All heavy atoms as atom14 arrays in JSON, in Angstrom:
{
  "sequence": "RLNQSTKIIGDLVYPGFYPTILGDTSRIEQ",
  "atom14_mask": [
    [1, 1, 1, 1, 1, 1, 1, 1, 1, 1, 1, 0, 0, 0],
    [1, 1, 1, 1, 1, 1, 1, 1, 0, 0, 0, 0, 0, 0],
    [1, 1, 1, 1, 1, 1, 1, 1, 0, 0, 0, 0, 0, 0],
    [1, 1, 1, 1, 1, 1, 1, 1, 1, 0, 0, 0, 0, 0],
    [1, 1, 1, 1, 1, 1, 0, 0, 0, 0, 0, 0, 0, 0],
    [1, 1, 1, 1, 1, 1, 1, 0, 0, 0, 0, 0, 0, 0],
    [1, 1, 1, 1, 1, 1, 1, 1, 1, 0, 0, 0, 0, 0],
    [1, 1, 1, 1, 1, 1, 1, 1, 0, 0, 0, 0, 0, 0],
    [1, 1, 1, 1, 1, 1, 1, 1, 0, 0, 0, 0, 0, 0],
    [1, 1, 1, 1, 0, 0, 0, 0, 0, 0, 0, 0, 0, 0],
    [1, 1, 1, 1, 1, 1, 1, 1, 0, 0, 0, 0, 0, 0],
    [1, 1, 1, 1, 1, 1, 1, 1, 0, 0, 0, 0, 0, 0],
    [1, 1, 1, 1, 1, 1, 1, 0, 0, 0, 0, 0, 0, 0],
    [1, 1, 1, 1, 1, 1, 1, 1, 1, 1, 1, 1, 0, 0],
    [1, 1, 1, 1, 1, 1, 1, 0, 0, 0, 0, 0, 0, 0],
    [1, 1, 1, 1, 0, 0, 0, 0, 0, 0, 0, 0, 0, 0],
    [1, 1, 1, 1, 1, 1, 1, 1, 1, 1, 1, 0, 0, 0],
    [1, 1, 1, 1, 1, 1, 1, 1, 1, 1, 1, 1, 0, 0],
    [1, 1, 1, 1, 1, 1, 1, 0, 0, 0, 0, 0, 0, 0],
    [1, 1, 1, 1, 1, 1, 1, 0, 0, 0, 0, 0, 0, 0],
    [1, 1, 1, 1, 1, 1, 1, 1, 0, 0, 0, 0, 0, 0],
    [1, 1, 1, 1, 1, 1, 1, 1, 0, 0, 0, 0, 0, 0],
    [1, 1, 1, 1, 0, 0, 0, 0, 0, 0, 0, 0, 0, 0],
    [1, 1, 1, 1, 1, 1, 1, 1, 0, 0, 0, 0, 0, 0],
    [1, 1, 1, 1, 1, 1, 1, 0, 0, 0, 0, 0, 0, 0],
    [1, 1, 1, 1, 1, 1, 0, 0, 0, 0, 0, 0, 0, 0],
    [1, 1, 1, 1, 1, 1, 1, 1, 1, 1, 1, 0, 0, 0],
    [1, 1, 1, 1, 1, 1, 1, 1, 0, 0, 0, 0, 0, 0],
    [1, 1, 1, 1, 1, 1, 1, 1, 1, 0, 0, 0, 0, 0],
    [1, 1, 1, 1, 1, 1, 1, 1, 1, 0, 0, 0, 0, 0]
  ],
  "atom14_positions": [
    [[-6.42, 25.68, -5.16], [-6.33, 24.27, -5.57], [-5.6, 24.14, -6.91], [-4.79, 23.23, -7.1], [-7.73, 23.66, -5.65], [-8.39, 23.45, -4.29], [-9.65, 22.6, -4.42], [-10.27, 22.39, -3.11], [-11.27, 23.12, -2.64], [-11.77, 24.1, -3.4], [-11.78, 22.88, -1.46], [0.0, 0.0, 0.0], [0.0, 0.0, 0.0], [0.0, 0.0, 0.0]],
    [[-5.9, 25.04, -7.84], [-5.22, 25.01, -9.14], [-3.74, 25.33, -8.98], [-2.88, 24.65, -9.57], [-5.89, 26.01, -10.08], [-5.21, 26.22, -11.44], [-5.22, 24.91, -12.24], [-5.88, 27.33, -12.21], [0.0, 0.0, 0.0], [0.0, 0.0, 0.0], [0.0, 0.0, 0.0], [0.0, 0.0, 0.0], [0.0, 0.0, 0.0], [0.0, 0.0, 0.0]],
    [[-3.42, 26.34, -8.2], [-2.02, 26.74, -8.03], [-1.21, 25.72, -7.25], [0.02, 25.69, -7.36], [-1.95, 28.1, -7.33], [-2.51, 29.21, -8.19], [-2.4, 29.18, -9.41], [-3.16, 30.19, -7.56], [0.0, 0.0, 0.0], [0.0, 0.0, 0.0], [0.0, 0.0, 0.0], [0.0, 0.0, 0.0], [0.0, 0.0, 0.0], [0.0, 0.0, 0.0]],
    [[-1.89, 24.9, -6.46], [-1.19, 23.9, -5.66], [-1.12, 22.56, -6.36], [-0.51, 21.62, -5.85], [-1.89, 23.76, -4.29], [-1.06, 23.09, -3.21], [0.21, 23.85, -2.86], [0.45, 24.95, -3.32], [1.06, 23.24, -2.03], [0.0, 0.0, 0.0], [0.0, 0.0, 0.0], [0.0, 0.0, 0.0], [0.0, 0.0, 0.0], [0.0, 0.0, 0.0]],
    [[-1.7, 22.45, -7.54], [-1.67, 21.18, -8.28], [-0.3, 20.96, -8.9], [0.41, 21.91, -9.25], [-2.75, 21.17, -9.36], [-2.51, 22.19, -10.31], [0.0, 0.0, 0.0], [0.0, 0.0, 0.0], [0.0, 0.0, 0.0], [0.0, 0.0, 0.0], [0.0, 0.0, 0.0], [0.0, 0.0, 0.0], [0.0, 0.0, 0.0], [0.0, 0.0, 0.0]],
    [[0.08, 19.69, -9.05], [1.36, 19.33, -9.67], [1.27, 19.49, -11.18], [0.29, 19.1, -11.81], [1.72, 17.88, -9.32], [1.84, 17.75, -7.9], [3.04, 17.48, -9.97], [0.0, 0.0, 0.0], [0.0, 0.0, 0.0], [0.0, 0.0, 0.0], [0.0, 0.0, 0.0], [0.0, 0.0, 0.0], [0.0, 0.0, 0.0], [0.0, 0.0, 0.0]],
    [[2.33, 20.07, -11.76], [2.38, 20.28, -13.21], [3.56, 19.52, -13.77], [4.68, 19.64, -13.26], [2.47, 21.78, -13.51], [1.28, 22.58, -12.99], [1.49, 24.06, -13.13], [0.27, 24.84, -12.62], [0.06, 24.64, -11.17], [0.0, 0.0, 0.0], [0.0, 0.0, 0.0], [0.0, 0.0, 0.0], [0.0, 0.0, 0.0], [0.0, 0.0, 0.0]],
    [[3.32, 18.74, -14.82], [4.36, 17.92, -15.45], [4.59, 18.42, -16.86], [3.66, 18.51, -17.67], [3.95, 16.43, -15.46], [3.72, 15.92, -14.03], [5.02, 15.59, -16.16], [3.22, 14.51, -13.96], [0.0, 0.0, 0.0], [0.0, 0.0, 0.0], [0.0, 0.0, 0.0], [0.0, 0.0, 0.0], [0.0, 0.0, 0.0], [0.0, 0.0, 0.0]],
    [[5.83, 18.78, -17.15], [6.21, 19.27, -18.47], [7.39, 18.44, -18.95], [8.52, 18.58, -18.45], [6.58, 20.77, -18.43], [5.42, 21.58, -17.88], [6.99, 21.26, -19.81], [5.74, 23.03, -17.63], [0.0, 0.0, 0.0], [0.0, 0.0, 0.0], [0.0, 0.0, 0.0], [0.0, 0.0, 0.0], [0.0, 0.0, 0.0], [0.0, 0.0, 0.0]],
    [[7.13, 17.55, -19.91], [8.17, 16.62, -20.35], [8.59, 15.74, -19.19], [7.75, 15.09, -18.56], [0.0, 0.0, 0.0], [0.0, 0.0, 0.0], [0.0, 0.0, 0.0], [0.0, 0.0, 0.0], [0.0, 0.0, 0.0], [0.0, 0.0, 0.0], [0.0, 0.0, 0.0], [0.0, 0.0, 0.0], [0.0, 0.0, 0.0], [0.0, 0.0, 0.0]],
    [[9.87, 15.75, -18.9], [10.36, 14.98, -17.75], [10.54, 15.85, -16.51], [11.12, 15.41, -15.52], [11.68, 14.29, -18.1], [12.75, 15.29, -18.53], [12.42, 16.47, -18.71], [13.92, 14.86, -18.67], [0.0, 0.0, 0.0], [0.0, 0.0, 0.0], [0.0, 0.0, 0.0], [0.0, 0.0, 0.0], [0.0, 0.0, 0.0], [0.0, 0.0, 0.0]],
    [[10.04, 17.08, -16.57], [10.13, 17.98, -15.43], [8.84, 17.96, -14.62], [7.75, 17.99, -15.19], [10.41, 19.41, -15.9], [11.7, 19.64, -16.71], [11.8, 21.08, -17.15], [12.92, 19.25, -15.88], [0.0, 0.0, 0.0], [0.0, 0.0, 0.0], [0.0, 0.0, 0.0], [0.0, 0.0, 0.0], [0.0, 0.0, 0.0], [0.0, 0.0, 0.0]],
    [[8.97, 17.9, -13.31], [7.82, 17.88, -12.42], [7.86, 19.12, -11.54], [8.85, 19.37, -10.84], [7.82, 16.61, -11.54], [6.63, 16.64, -10.58], [7.77, 15.36, -12.4], [0.0, 0.0, 0.0], [0.0, 0.0, 0.0], [0.0, 0.0, 0.0], [0.0, 0.0, 0.0], [0.0, 0.0, 0.0], [0.0, 0.0, 0.0], [0.0, 0.0, 0.0]],
    [[6.78, 19.9, -11.58], [6.65, 21.1, -10.75], [5.56, 20.85, -9.72], [4.38, 20.81, -10.07], [6.31, 22.32, -11.61], [7.46, 22.81, -12.43], [7.77, 22.21, -13.65], [8.26, 23.86, -11.99], [8.85, 22.65, -14.4], [9.33, 24.32, -12.74], [9.63, 23.7, -13.95], [10.69, 24.14, -14.69], [0.0, 0.0, 0.0], [0.0, 0.0, 0.0]],
    [[5.95, 20.65, -8.45], [4.93, 20.43, -7.42], [4.15, 21.71, -7.15], [4.41, 22.76, -7.76], [5.75, 20.01, -6.2], [7.1, 20.64, -6.42], [7.31, 20.64, -7.91], [0.0, 0.0, 0.0], [0.0, 0.0, 0.0], [0.0, 0.0, 0.0], [0.0, 0.0, 0.0], [0.0, 0.0, 0.0], [0.0, 0.0, 0.0], [0.0, 0.0, 0.0]],
    [[3.18, 21.65, -6.24], [2.42, 22.84, -5.88], [3.32, 23.99, -5.49], [4.43, 23.79, -4.97], [0.0, 0.0, 0.0], [0.0, 0.0, 0.0], [0.0, 0.0, 0.0], [0.0, 0.0, 0.0], [0.0, 0.0, 0.0], [0.0, 0.0, 0.0], [0.0, 0.0, 0.0], [0.0, 0.0, 0.0], [0.0, 0.0, 0.0], [0.0, 0.0, 0.0]],
    [[2.87, 25.22, -5.73], [3.72, 26.39, -5.52], [4.09, 26.57, -4.06], [5.23, 26.91, -3.74], [3.02, 27.64, -6.04], [3.84, 28.89, -5.92], [4.82, 29.19, -6.85], [3.65, 29.75, -4.85], [5.6, 30.33, -6.73], [4.42, 30.9, -4.72], [5.4, 31.18, -5.66], [0.0, 0.0, 0.0], [0.0, 0.0, 0.0], [0.0, 0.0, 0.0]],
    [[3.15, 26.36, -3.15], [3.4, 26.58, -1.72], [3.96, 25.31, -1.1], [3.6, 24.19, -1.49], [2.11, 26.99, -1.02], [1.43, 28.18, -1.64], [0.33, 28.01, -2.49], [1.88, 29.48, -1.41], [-0.31, 29.1, -3.07], [1.25, 30.57, -1.99], [0.15, 30.37, -2.82], [-0.47, 31.44, -3.4], [0.0, 0.0, 0.0], [0.0, 0.0, 0.0]],
    [[4.84, 25.45, -0.09], [5.43, 24.26, 0.54], [4.39, 23.3, 1.11], [4.51, 22.09, 0.97], [6.31, 24.85, 1.65], [6.58, 26.25, 1.23], [5.37, 26.7, 0.48], [0.0, 0.0, 0.0], [0.0, 0.0, 0.0], [0.0, 0.0, 0.0], [0.0, 0.0, 0.0], [0.0, 0.0, 0.0], [0.0, 0.0, 0.0], [0.0, 0.0, 0.0]],
    [[3.35, 23.85, 1.75], [2.3, 23.03, 2.33], [1.08, 23.9, 2.58], [1.17, 25.13, 2.58], [2.76, 22.39, 3.66], [1.76, 21.49, 4.12], [3.02, 23.46, 4.71], [0.0, 0.0, 0.0], [0.0, 0.0, 0.0], [0.0, 0.0, 0.0], [0.0, 0.0, 0.0], [0.0, 0.0, 0.0], [0.0, 0.0, 0.0], [0.0, 0.0, 0.0]],
    [[-0.07, 23.26, 2.76], [-1.29, 23.97, 3.07], [-1.84, 23.43, 4.39], [-2.03, 22.21, 4.55], [-2.36, 23.81, 1.96], [-1.82, 24.33, 0.63], [-3.64, 24.55, 2.34], [-1.52, 25.81, 0.62], [0.0, 0.0, 0.0], [0.0, 0.0, 0.0], [0.0, 0.0, 0.0], [0.0, 0.0, 0.0], [0.0, 0.0, 0.0], [0.0, 0.0, 0.0]],
    [[-2.09, 24.32, 5.33], [-2.63, 23.93, 6.63], [-4.14, 24.13, 6.62], [-4.63, 25.25, 6.64], [-2.0, 24.77, 7.75], [-0.46, 24.79, 7.79], [0.04, 25.77, 8.85], [0.08, 23.39, 8.04], [0.0, 0.0, 0.0], [0.0, 0.0, 0.0], [0.0, 0.0, 0.0], [0.0, 0.0, 0.0], [0.0, 0.0, 0.0], [0.0, 0.0, 0.0]],
    [[-4.88, 23.03, 6.54], [-6.35, 23.12, 6.58], [-6.96, 23.28, 5.21], [-6.5, 22.7, 4.21], [0.0, 0.0, 0.0], [0.0, 0.0, 0.0], [0.0, 0.0, 0.0], [0.0, 0.0, 0.0], [0.0, 0.0, 0.0], [0.0, 0.0, 0.0], [0.0, 0.0, 0.0], [0.0, 0.0, 0.0], [0.0, 0.0, 0.0], [0.0, 0.0, 0.0]],
    [[-8.0, 24.1, 5.13], [-8.79, 24.29, 3.92], [-7.92, 24.72, 2.74], [-7.04, 25.56, 2.88], [-9.87, 25.34, 4.19], [-10.72, 25.61, 2.96], [-11.51, 24.74, 2.59], [-10.57, 26.7, 2.39], [0.0, 0.0, 0.0], [0.0, 0.0, 0.0], [0.0, 0.0, 0.0], [0.0, 0.0, 0.0], [0.0, 0.0, 0.0], [0.0, 0.0, 0.0]],
    [[-8.17, 24.12, 1.57], [-7.35, 24.38, 0.39], [-8.08, 25.19, -0.68], [-7.72, 25.16, -1.85], [-6.88, 23.06, -0.22], [-8.03, 22.27, -0.6], [-6.02, 22.28, 0.75], [0.0, 0.0, 0.0], [0.0, 0.0, 0.0], [0.0, 0.0, 0.0], [0.0, 0.0, 0.0], [0.0, 0.0, 0.0], [0.0, 0.0, 0.0], [0.0, 0.0, 0.0]],
    [[-9.12, 25.94, -0.29], [-9.91, 26.66, -1.29], [-9.29, 28.01, -1.67], [-9.29, 28.39, -2.83], [-11.34, 26.87, -0.79], [-11.33, 27.62, 0.42], [0.0, 0.0, 0.0], [0.0, 0.0, 0.0], [0.0, 0.0, 0.0], [0.0, 0.0, 0.0], [0.0, 0.0, 0.0], [0.0, 0.0, 0.0], [0.0, 0.0, 0.0], [0.0, 0.0, 0.0]],
    [[-8.75, 28.75, -0.69], [-8.21, 30.08, -0.99], [-7.28, 30.53, 0.14], [-7.28, 29.96, 1.24], [-9.33, 31.11, -1.18], [-10.11, 31.43, 0.1], [-11.36, 32.25, -0.18], [-11.05, 33.56, -0.74], [-10.95, 34.66, 0.01], [-11.13, 34.61, 1.32], [-10.68, 35.82, -0.55], [0.0, 0.0, 0.0], [0.0, 0.0, 0.0], [0.0, 0.0, 0.0]],
    [[-6.5, 31.58, -0.15], [-5.62, 32.21, 0.84], [-5.96, 33.69, 0.89], [-6.09, 34.35, -0.15], [-4.13, 32.04, 0.49], [-3.72, 30.57, 0.56], [-3.26, 32.88, 1.42], [-2.28, 30.33, 0.13], [0.0, 0.0, 0.0], [0.0, 0.0, 0.0], [0.0, 0.0, 0.0], [0.0, 0.0, 0.0], [0.0, 0.0, 0.0], [0.0, 0.0, 0.0]],
    [[-6.08, 34.21, 2.09], [-6.26, 35.65, 2.29], [-5.42, 36.08, 3.47], [-5.53, 35.5, 4.56], [-7.72, 36.01, 2.52], [-7.95, 37.51, 2.64], [-9.4, 37.86, 2.9], [-10.2, 36.94, 3.19], [-9.75, 39.06, 2.84], [0.0, 0.0, 0.0], [0.0, 0.0, 0.0], [0.0, 0.0, 0.0], [0.0, 0.0, 0.0], [0.0, 0.0, 0.0]],
    [[-4.55, 37.06, 3.28], [-3.65, 37.54, 4.32], [-3.68, 39.06, 4.33], [-3.54, 39.7, 3.28], [-2.23, 37.05, 4.04], [-1.29, 37.13, 5.22], [-1.41, 35.96, 6.16], [-2.1, 34.99, 5.87], [-0.73, 36.02, 7.3], [0.0, 0.0, 0.0], [0.0, 0.0, 0.0], [0.0, 0.0, 0.0], [0.0, 0.0, 0.0], [0.0, 0.0, 0.0]]
  ]
}
């Protein structure tokens, strides 16, 4: 959830790191 949150620095916007999340957004394990 923290890594997928949007980060704004000045006039720069950094969306979540992953393109999208399918289903539960608590953790990833592969």
